[in-house]
Amino acid sequence: MKRFLAEGEALQQVGVMGLRAPDGTVAENVPLYRIIQSKEIKPESGLTAGEEAACEDIGRGLADIYRQYKRAERKAKAGANMRAQNA
């Protein structure tokens, strides 16, 4: 579908679709967009409220995973130091 954006509208990328050539090989990836109201986009970040919430959620989850990793790393290092002292 082709159309011009009306005043106050913007495009938001919502995904990517991988295309295939007629012979079945992987061709290019094409971005998928939806039309949103420009006022939904926060000027400070350039993101919508939903995008900001998603970024915060993934950031919180990744921070938890990183904390677990560092905790396990410290435990492993302490265990190696104990073994070295006892040897």
PDB file of N, CA and C in Angstrom:
ATOM      1  N   MET A   1       0.846  -1.175   0.000  1.00  0.00           N
ATOM      2  CA  MET A   1       0.000   0.000   0.000  1.00  0.00           C
ATOM      3  C   MET A   1       0.890   1.237   0.000  1.00  0.00           C
ATOM      4  N   LYS A   2       0.647   2.113  -0.893  1.00  0.00           N
ATOM      5  CA  LYS A   2       1.385   3.370  -0.935  1.00  0.00           C
ATOM      6  C   LYS A   2       0.446   4.509  -0.599  1.00  0.00           C
ATOM      7  N   ARG A   3       0.918   5.391   0.260  1.00  0.00           N
ATOM      8  CA  ARG A   3       0.181   6.614   0.534  1.00  0.00           C
ATOM      9  C   ARG A   3       1.118   7.593   1.195  1.00  0.00           C
ATOM     10  N   PHE A   4       0.794   8.848   1.109  1.00  0.00           N
ATOM     11  CA  PHE A   4       1.577   9.881   1.763  1.00  0.00           C
ATOM     12  C   PHE A   4       1.132   9.994   3.208  1.00  0.00           C
ATOM     13  N   LEU A   5       2.067  10.361   4.066  1.00  0.00           N
ATOM     14  CA  LEU A   5       1.720  10.581   5.464  1.00  0.00           C
ATOM     15  C   LEU A   5       1.001  11.911   5.607  1.00  0.00           C
ATOM     16  N   ALA A   6      -0.047  11.892   6.387  1.00  0.00           N
ATOM     17  CA  ALA A   6      -0.771  13.126   6.678  1.00  0.00           C
ATOM     18  C   ALA A   6       0.041  13.925   7.698  1.00  0.00           C
ATOM     19  N   GLU A   7      -0.274  15.178   7.833  1.00  0.00           N
ATOM     20  CA  GLU A   7       0.410  16.002   8.821  1.00  0.00           C
ATOM     21  C   GLU A   7       0.134  15.436  10.207  1.00  0.00           C
ATOM     22  N   GLY A   8       1.165  15.341  11.001  1.00  0.00           N
ATOM     23  CA  GLY A   8       1.015  14.810  12.354  1.00  0.00           C
ATOM     24  C   GLY A   8       1.189  13.305  12.436  1.00  0.00           C
ATOM     25  N   GLU A   9       1.525  12.657  11.321  1.00  0.00           N
ATOM     26  CA  GLU A   9       1.747  11.214  11.324  1.00  0.00           C
ATOM     27  C   GLU A   9       3.236  10.930  11.142  1.00  0.00           C
ATOM     28  N   ALA A  10       3.661   9.778  11.642  1.00  0.00           N
ATOM     29  CA  ALA A  10       5.049   9.348  11.496  1.00  0.00           C
ATOM     30  C   ALA A  10       5.061   7.841  11.307  1.00  0.00           C
ATOM     31  N   LEU A  11       6.174   7.331  10.834  1.00  0.00           N
ATOM     32  CA  LEU A  11       6.335   5.890  10.685  1.00  0.00           C
ATOM     33  C   LEU A  11       7.149   5.344  11.847  1.00  0.00           C
ATOM     34  N   GLN A  12       6.724   4.193  12.359  1.00  0.00           N
ATOM     35  CA  GLN A  12       7.445   3.528  13.434  1.00  0.00           C
ATOM     36  C   GLN A  12       7.789   2.126  12.945  1.00  0.00           C
ATOM     37  N   GLN A  13       9.067   1.765  12.988  1.00  0.00           N
ATOM     38  CA  GLN A  13       9.457   0.427  12.555  1.00  0.00           C
ATOM     39  C   GLN A  13       9.030  -0.571  13.617  1.00  0.00           C
ATOM     40  N   VAL A  14       8.322  -1.610  13.195  1.00  0.00           N
ATOM     41  CA  VAL A  14       7.811  -2.603  14.124  1.00  0.00           C
ATOM     42  C   VAL A  14       8.413  -3.981  13.905  1.00  0.00           C
ATOM     43  N   GLY A  15       9.201  -4.128  12.864  1.00  0.00           N
ATOM     44  CA  GLY A  15       9.803  -5.426  12.616  1.00  0.00           C
ATOM     45  C   GLY A  15      10.570  -5.434  11.316  1.00  0.00           C
ATOM     46  N   VAL A  16      11.048  -6.628  10.984  1.00  0.00           N
ATOM     47  CA  VAL A  16      11.786  -6.839   9.749  1.00  0.00           C
ATOM     48  C   VAL A  16      11.328  -8.169   9.171  1.00  0.00           C
ATOM     49  N   MET A  17      11.118  -8.186   7.874  1.00  0.00           N
ATOM     50  CA  MET A  17      10.725  -9.425   7.214  1.00  0.00           C
ATOM     51  C   MET A  17      11.831  -9.830   6.250  1.00  0.00           C
ATOM     52  N   GLY A  18      12.304 -11.047   6.394  1.00  0.00           N
ATOM     53  CA  GLY A  18      13.329 -11.562   5.502  1.00  0.00           C
ATOM     54  C   GLY A  18      12.680 -12.082   4.223  1.00  0.00           C
ATOM     55  N   LEU A  19      13.175 -11.634   3.098  1.00  0.00           N
ATOM     56  CA  LEU A  19      12.646 -12.077   1.811  1.00  0.00           C
ATOM     57  C   LEU A  19      13.508 -13.191   1.249  1.00  0.00           C
ATOM     58  N   ARG A  20      12.908 -13.967   0.361  1.00  0.00           N
ATOM     59  CA  ARG A  20      13.622 -15.041  -0.323  1.00  0.00           C
ATOM     60  C   ARG A  20      13.557 -14.797  -1.819  1.00  0.00           C
ATOM     61  N   ALA A  21      14.631 -15.165  -2.494  1.00  0.00           N
ATOM     62  CA  ALA A  21      14.667 -15.083  -3.944  1.00  0.00           C
ATOM     63  C   ALA A  21      13.861 -16.251  -4.519  1.00  0.00           C
ATOM     64  N   PRO A  22      13.483 -16.192  -5.780  1.00  0.00           N
ATOM     65  CA  PRO A  22      12.706 -17.284  -6.375  1.00  0.00           C
ATOM     66  C   PRO A  22      13.371 -18.658  -6.251  1.00  0.00           C
ATOM     67  N   ASP A  23      14.708 -18.699  -6.187  1.00  0.00           N
ATOM     68  CA  ASP A  23      15.394 -19.989  -6.053  1.00  0.00           C
ATOM     69  C   ASP A  23      15.488 -20.465  -4.607  1.00  0.00           C
ATOM     70  N   GLY A  24      14.917 -19.710  -3.665  1.00  0.00           N
ATOM     71  CA  GLY A  24      14.884 -20.108  -2.266  1.00  0.00           C
ATOM     72  C   GLY A  24      16.018 -19.557  -1.420  1.00  0.00           C
ATOM     73  N   THR A  25      16.980 -18.895  -2.031  1.00  0.00           N
ATOM     74  CA  THR A  25      18.071 -18.326  -1.254  1.00  0.00           C
ATOM     75  C   THR A  25      17.582 -17.087  -0.507  1.00  0.00           C
ATOM     76  N   VAL A  26      18.303 -16.755   0.539  1.00  0.00           N
ATOM     77  CA  VAL A  26      17.935 -15.588   1.337  1.00  0.00           C
ATOM     78  C   VAL A  26      18.245 -14.330   0.540  1.00  0.00           C
ATOM     79  N   ALA A  27      17.271 -13.456   0.456  1.00  0.00           N
ATOM     80  CA  ALA A  27      17.448 -12.178  -0.241  1.00  0.00           C
ATOM     81  C   ALA A  27      17.622 -11.089   0.821  1.00  0.00           C
ATOM     82  N   GLU A  28      17.045  -9.966   0.617  1.00  0.00           N
ATOM     83  CA  GLU A  28      17.208  -8.849   1.545  1.00  0.00           C
ATOM     84  C   GLU A  28      16.168  -8.865   2.657  1.00  0.00           C
ATOM     85  N   ASN A  29      16.452  -8.108   3.700  1.00  0.00           N
ATOM     86  CA  ASN A  29      15.501  -7.891   4.783  1.00  0.00           C
ATOM     87  C   ASN A  29      14.802  -6.567   4.549  1.00  0.00           C
ATOM     88  N   VAL A  30      13.498  -6.570   4.730  1.00  0.00           N
ATOM     89  CA  VAL A  30      12.701  -5.376   4.489  1.00  0.00           C
ATOM     90  C   VAL A  30      12.071  -4.935   5.807  1.00  0.00           C
ATOM     91  N   PRO A  31      12.268  -3.671   6.203  1.00  0.00           N
ATOM     92  CA  PRO A  31      11.657  -3.196   7.447  1.00  0.00           C
ATOM     93  C   PRO A  31      10.136  -3.070   7.302  1.00  0.00           C
ATOM     94  N   LEU A  32       9.430  -3.326   8.388  1.00  0.00           N
ATOM     95  CA  LEU A  32       7.973  -3.190   8.437  1.00  0.00           C
ATOM     96  C   LEU A  32       7.643  -1.997   9.331  1.00  0.00           C
ATOM     97  N   TYR A  33       6.738  -1.174   8.874  1.00  0.00           N
ATOM     98  CA  TYR A  33       6.384   0.053   9.594  1.00  0.00           C
ATOM     99  C   TYR A  33       4.891   0.106   9.880  1.00  0.00           C
ATOM    100  N   ARG A  34       4.547   0.888  10.890  1.00  0.00           N
ATOM    101  CA  ARG A  34       3.149   1.238  11.132  1.00  0.00           C
ATOM    102  C   ARG A  34       3.082   2.751  11.242  1.00  0.00           C
ATOM    103  N   ILE A  35       1.908   3.282  10.972  1.00  0.00           N
ATOM    104  CA  ILE A  35       1.712   4.732  11.045  1.00  0.00           C
ATOM    105  C   ILE A  35       1.226   5.079  12.446  1.00  0.00           C
ATOM    106  N   ILE A  36       1.898   6.038  13.063  1.00  0.00           N
ATOM    107  CA  ILE A  36       1.498   6.506  14.395  1.00  0.00           C
ATOM    108  C   ILE A  36       1.369   8.022  14.360  1.00  0.00           C
ATOM    109  N   GLN A  37       0.763   8.561  15.386  1.00  0.00           N
ATOM    110  CA  GLN A  37       0.658  10.004  15.517  1.00  0.00           C
ATOM    111  C   GLN A  37       1.990  10.556  16.010  1.00  0.00           C
ATOM    112  N   SER A  38       2.446  11.619  15.419  1.00  0.00           N
ATOM    113  CA  SER A  38       3.735  12.218  15.799  1.00  0.00           C
ATOM    114  C   SER A  38       3.767  12.620  17.270  1.00  0.00           C
ATOM    115  N   LYS A  39       2.621  12.980  17.820  1.00  0.00           N
ATOM    116  CA  LYS A  39       2.601  13.418  19.223  1.00  0.00           C
ATOM    117  C   LYS A  39       2.892  12.270  20.193  1.00  0.00           C
ATOM    118  N   GLU A  40       2.815  11.001  19.721  1.00  0.00           N
ATOM    119  CA  GLU A  40       3.149   9.857  20.570  1.00  0.00           C
ATOM    120  C   GLU A  40       4.650   9.737  20.800  1.00  0.00           C
ATOM    121  N   ILE A  41       5.445  10.363  19.948  1.00  0.00           N
ATOM    122  CA  ILE A  41       6.899  10.261  20.035  1.00  0.00           C
ATOM    123  C   ILE A  41       7.414  11.321  21.006  1.00  0.00           C
ATOM    124  N   LYS A  42       8.163  10.875  22.006  1.00  0.00           N
ATOM    125  CA  LYS A  42       8.725  11.809  22.994  1.00  0.00           C
ATOM    126  C   LYS A  42       9.963  12.460  22.393  1.00  0.00           C
ATOM    127  N   PRO A  43      10.018  13.787  22.373  1.00  0.00           N
ATOM    128  CA  PRO A  43      11.139  14.477  21.739  1.00  0.00           C
ATOM    129  C   PRO A  43      12.489  14.232  22.419  1.00  0.00           C
ATOM    130  N   GLU A  44      12.488  13.965  23.731  1.00  0.00           N
ATOM    131  CA  GLU A  44      13.743  13.748  24.446  1.00  0.00           C
ATOM    132  C   GLU A  44      14.447  12.484  23.969  1.00  0.00           C
ATOM    133  N   SER A  45      13.670  11.421  23.755  1.00  0.00           N
ATOM    134  CA  SER A  45      14.272  10.130  23.414  1.00  0.00           C
ATOM    135  C   SER A  45      14.035   9.716  21.968  1.00  0.00           C
ATOM    136  N   GLY A  46      13.007  10.265  21.345  1.00  0.00           N
ATOM    137  CA  GLY A  46      12.655   9.831  19.999  1.00  0.00           C
ATOM    138  C   GLY A  46      11.885   8.520  19.997  1.00  0.00           C
ATOM    139  N   LEU A  47      11.460   8.077  21.188  1.00  0.00           N
ATOM    140  CA  LEU A  47      10.732   6.815  21.333  1.00  0.00           C
ATOM    141  C   LEU A  47       9.305   7.075  21.791  1.00  0.00           C
ATOM    142  N   THR A  48       8.446   6.096  21.567  1.00  0.00           N
ATOM    143  CA  THR A  48       7.088   6.169  22.112  1.00  0.00           C
ATOM    144  C   THR A  48       7.120   5.634  23.544  1.00  0.00           C
ATOM    145  N   ALA A  49       6.052   5.812  24.275  1.00  0.00           N
ATOM    146  CA  ALA A  49       5.981   5.322  25.658  1.00  0.00           C
ATOM    147  C   ALA A  49       6.158   3.809  25.705  1.00  0.00           C
ATOM    148  N   GLY A  50       5.567   3.105  24.750  1.00  0.00           N
ATOM    149  CA  GLY A  50       5.698   1.647  24.701  1.00  0.00           C
ATOM    150  C   GLY A  50       7.126   1.199  24.453  1.00  0.00           C
ATOM    151  N   GLU A  51       7.829   1.909  23.576  1.00  0.00           N
ATOM    152  CA  GLU A  51       9.224   1.574  23.300  1.00  0.00           C
ATOM    153  C   GLU A  51      10.099   1.842  24.520  1.00  0.00           C
ATOM    154  N   GLU A  52       9.846   2.939  25.215  1.00  0.00           N
ATOM    155  CA  GLU A  52      10.611   3.232  26.429  1.00  0.00           C
ATOM    156  C   GLU A  52      10.379   2.162  27.486  1.00  0.00           C
ATOM    157  N   ALA A  53       9.129   1.729  27.644  1.00  0.00           N
ATOM    158  CA  ALA A  53       8.814   0.686  28.627  1.00  0.00           C
ATOM    159  C   ALA A  53       9.520  -0.623  28.263  1.00  0.00           C
ATOM    160  N   ALA A  54       9.539  -0.961  26.984  1.00  0.00           N
ATOM    161  CA  ALA A  54      10.214  -2.185  26.542  1.00  0.00           C
ATOM    162  C   ALA A  54      11.711  -2.105  26.817  1.00  0.00           C
ATOM    163  N   CYS A  55      12.312  -0.949  26.576  1.00  0.00           N
ATOM    164  CA  CYS A  55      13.743  -0.762  26.839  1.00  0.00           C
ATOM    165  C   CYS A  55      14.043  -0.899  28.333  1.00  0.00           C
ATOM    166  N   GLU A  56      13.179  -0.344  29.176  1.00  0.00           N
ATOM    167  CA  GLU A  56      13.378  -0.454  30.619  1.00  0.00           C
ATOM    168  C   GLU A  56      13.236  -1.899  31.071  1.00  0.00           C
ATOM    169  N   ASP A  57      12.243  -2.611  30.530  1.00  0.00           N
ATOM    170  CA  ASP A  57      12.027  -4.012  30.905  1.00  0.00           C
ATOM    171  C   ASP A  57      13.222  -4.875  30.528  1.00  0.00           C
ATOM    172  N   ILE A  58      13.701  -4.738  29.298  1.00  0.00           N
ATOM    173  CA  ILE A  58      14.830  -5.560  28.866  1.00  0.00           C
ATOM    174  C   ILE A  58      16.087  -5.158  29.634  1.00  0.00           C
ATOM    175  N   GLY A  59      16.245  -3.875  29.916  1.00  0.00           N
ATOM    176  CA  GLY A  59      17.402  -3.418  30.684  1.00  0.00           C
ATOM    177  C   GLY A  59      17.419  -4.000  32.085  1.00  0.00           C
ATOM    178  N   ARG A  60      16.253  -4.055  32.710  1.00  0.00           N
ATOM    179  CA  ARG A  60      16.146  -4.615  34.065  1.00  0.00           C
ATOM    180  C   ARG A  60      16.495  -6.105  34.043  1.00  0.00           C
ATOM    181  N   GLY A  61      15.986  -6.821  33.059  1.00  0.00           N
ATOM    182  CA  GLY A  61      16.273  -8.250  32.944  1.00  0.00           C
ATOM    183  C   GLY A  61      17.746  -8.523  32.675  1.00  0.00           C
ATOM    184  N   LEU A  62      18.339  -7.736  31.793  1.00  0.00           N
ATOM    185  CA  LEU A  62      19.759  -7.924  31.483  1.00  0.00           C
ATOM    186  C   LEU A  62      20.632  -7.567  32.683  1.00  0.00           C
ATOM    187  N   ALA A  63      20.234  -6.564  33.445  1.00  0.00           N
ATOM    188  CA  ALA A  63      20.992  -6.194  34.644  1.00  0.00           C
ATOM    189  C   ALA A  63      20.965  -7.330  35.661  1.00  0.00           C
ATOM    190  N   ASP A  64      19.817  -7.990  35.816  1.00  0.00           N
ATOM    191  CA  ASP A  64      19.721  -9.135  36.734  1.00  0.00           C
ATOM    192  C   ASP A  64      20.633 -10.270  36.288  1.00  0.00           C
ATOM    193  N   ILE A  65      20.627 -10.562  35.003  1.00  0.00           N
ATOM    194  CA  ILE A  65      21.479 -11.631  34.470  1.00  0.00           C
ATOM    195  C   ILE A  65      22.948 -11.293  34.690  1.00  0.00           C
ATOM    196  N   TYR A  66      23.323 -10.044  34.465  1.00  0.00           N
ATOM    197  CA  TYR A  66      24.716  -9.622  34.653  1.00  0.00           C
ATOM    198  C   TYR A  66      25.127  -9.733  36.119  1.00  0.00           C
ATOM    199  N   ARG A  67      24.228  -9.353  37.035  1.00  0.00           N
ATOM    200  CA  ARG A  67      24.530  -9.469  38.465  1.00  0.00           C
ATOM    201  C   ARG A  67      24.774 -10.934  38.850  1.00  0.00           C
ATOM    202  N   GLN A  68      23.935 -11.831  38.322  1.00  0.00           N
ATOM    203  CA  GLN A  68      24.115 -13.264  38.604  1.00  0.00           C
ATOM    204  C   GLN A  68      25.463 -13.750  38.072  1.00  0.00           C
ATOM    205  N   TYR A  69      25.819 -13.305  36.889  1.00  0.00           N
ATOM    206  CA  TYR A  69      27.092 -13.680  36.278  1.00  0.00           C
ATOM    207  C   TYR A  69      28.263 -13.206  37.140  1.00  0.00           C
ATOM    208  N   LYS A  70      28.243 -11.943  37.559  1.00  0.00           N
ATOM    209  CA  LYS A  70      29.336 -11.402  38.360  1.00  0.00           C
ATOM    210  C   LYS A  70      29.424 -12.103  39.721  1.00  0.00           C
ATOM    211  N   ARG A  71      28.262 -12.430  40.307  1.00  0.00           N
ATOM    212  CA  ARG A  71      28.242 -13.136  41.584  1.00  0.00           C
ATOM    213  C   ARG A  71      28.903 -14.513  41.435  1.00  0.00           C
ATOM    214  N   ALA A  72      28.548 -15.236  40.375  1.00  0.00           N
ATOM    215  CA  ALA A  72      29.126 -16.557  40.122  1.00  0.00           C
ATOM    216  C   ALA A  72      30.618 -16.442  39.825  1.00  0.00           C
ATOM    217  N   GLU A  73      31.011 -15.394  39.121  1.00  0.00           N
ATOM    218  CA  GLU A  73      32.422 -15.168  38.813  1.00  0.00           C
ATOM    219  C   GLU A  73      33.226 -14.947  40.098  1.00  0.00           C
ATOM    220  N   ARG A  74      32.671 -14.145  41.008  1.00  0.00           N
ATOM    221  CA  ARG A  74      33.355 -13.898  42.285  1.00  0.00           C
ATOM    222  C   ARG A  74      33.471 -15.188  43.106  1.00  0.00           C
ATOM    223  N   LYS A  75      32.388 -15.994  43.107  1.00  0.00           N
ATOM    224  CA  LYS A  75      32.415 -17.262  43.842  1.00  0.00           C
ATOM    225  C   LYS A  75      33.486 -18.187  43.273  1.00  0.00           C
ATOM    226  N   ALA A  76      33.550 -18.273  41.949  1.00  0.00           N
ATOM    227  CA  ALA A  76      34.529 -19.145  41.305  1.00  0.00           C
ATOM    228  C   ALA A  76      35.946 -18.672  41.618  1.00  0.00           C
ATOM    229  N   LYS A  77      36.169 -17.375  41.609  1.00  0.00           N
ATOM    230  CA  LYS A  77      37.487 -16.823  41.892  1.00  0.00           C
ATOM    231  C   LYS A  77      37.866 -17.096  43.347  1.00  0.00           C
ATOM    232  N   ALA A  78      36.915 -16.927  44.266  1.00  0.00           N
ATOM    233  CA  ALA A  78      37.176 -17.186  45.684  1.00  0.00           C
ATOM    234  C   ALA A  78      37.480 -18.661  45.897  1.00  0.00           C
ATOM    235  N   GLY A  79      36.762 -19.529  45.213  1.00  0.00           N
ATOM    236  CA  GLY A  79      37.012 -20.971  45.331  1.00  0.00           C
ATOM    237  C   GLY A  79      38.382 -21.345  44.810  1.00  0.00           C
ATOM    238  N   ALA A  80      38.804 -20.733  43.718  1.00  0.00           N
ATOM    239  CA  ALA A  80      40.132 -21.000  43.153  1.00  0.00           C
ATOM    240  C   ALA A  80      41.215 -20.515  44.104  1.00  0.00           C
ATOM    241  N   ASN A  81      40.999 -19.363  44.733  1.00  0.00           N
ATOM    242  CA  ASN A  81      41.974 -18.833  45.703  1.00  0.00           C
ATOM    243  C   ASN A  81      42.087 -19.754  46.907  1.00  0.00           C
ATOM    244  N   MET A  82      40.959 -20.302  47.377  1.00  0.00           N
ATOM    245  CA  MET A  82      40.963 -21.220  48.528  1.00  0.00           C
ATOM    246  C   MET A  82      41.722 -22.485  48.176  1.00  0.00           C
ATOM    247  N   ARG A  83      41.498 -23.022  46.979  1.00  0.00           N
ATOM    248  CA  ARG A  83      42.195 -24.233  46.566  1.00  0.00           C
ATOM    249  C   ARG A  83      43.696 -23.984  46.451  1.00  0.00           C
ATOM    250  N   ALA A  84      44.072 -22.811  45.967  1.00  0.00           N
ATOM    251  CA  ALA A  84      45.490 -22.474  45.811  1.00  0.00           C
ATOM    252  C   ALA A  84      46.161 -22.342  47.176  1.00  0.00           C
ATOM    253  N   GLN A  85      45.436 -21.805  48.154  1.00  0.00           N
ATOM    254  CA  GLN A  85      46.016 -21.640  49.503  1.00  0.00           C
ATOM    255  C   GLN A  85      46.171 -22.986  50.186  1.00  0.00           C
ATOM    256  N   ASN A  86      45.242 -23.909  49.927  1.00  0.00           N
ATOM    257  CA  ASN A  86      45.266 -25.213  50.592  1.00  0.00           C
ATOM    258  C   ASN A  86      46.234 -26.188  49.916  1.00  0.00           C
ATOM    259  N   ALA A  87      46.711 -25.844  48.742  1.00  0.00           N
ATOM    260  CA  ALA A  87      47.591 -26.774  48.021  1.00  0.00           C
ATOM    261  C   ALA A  87      49.006 -26.704  48.505  1.00  0.00           C
TER     262      ALA A  87
END
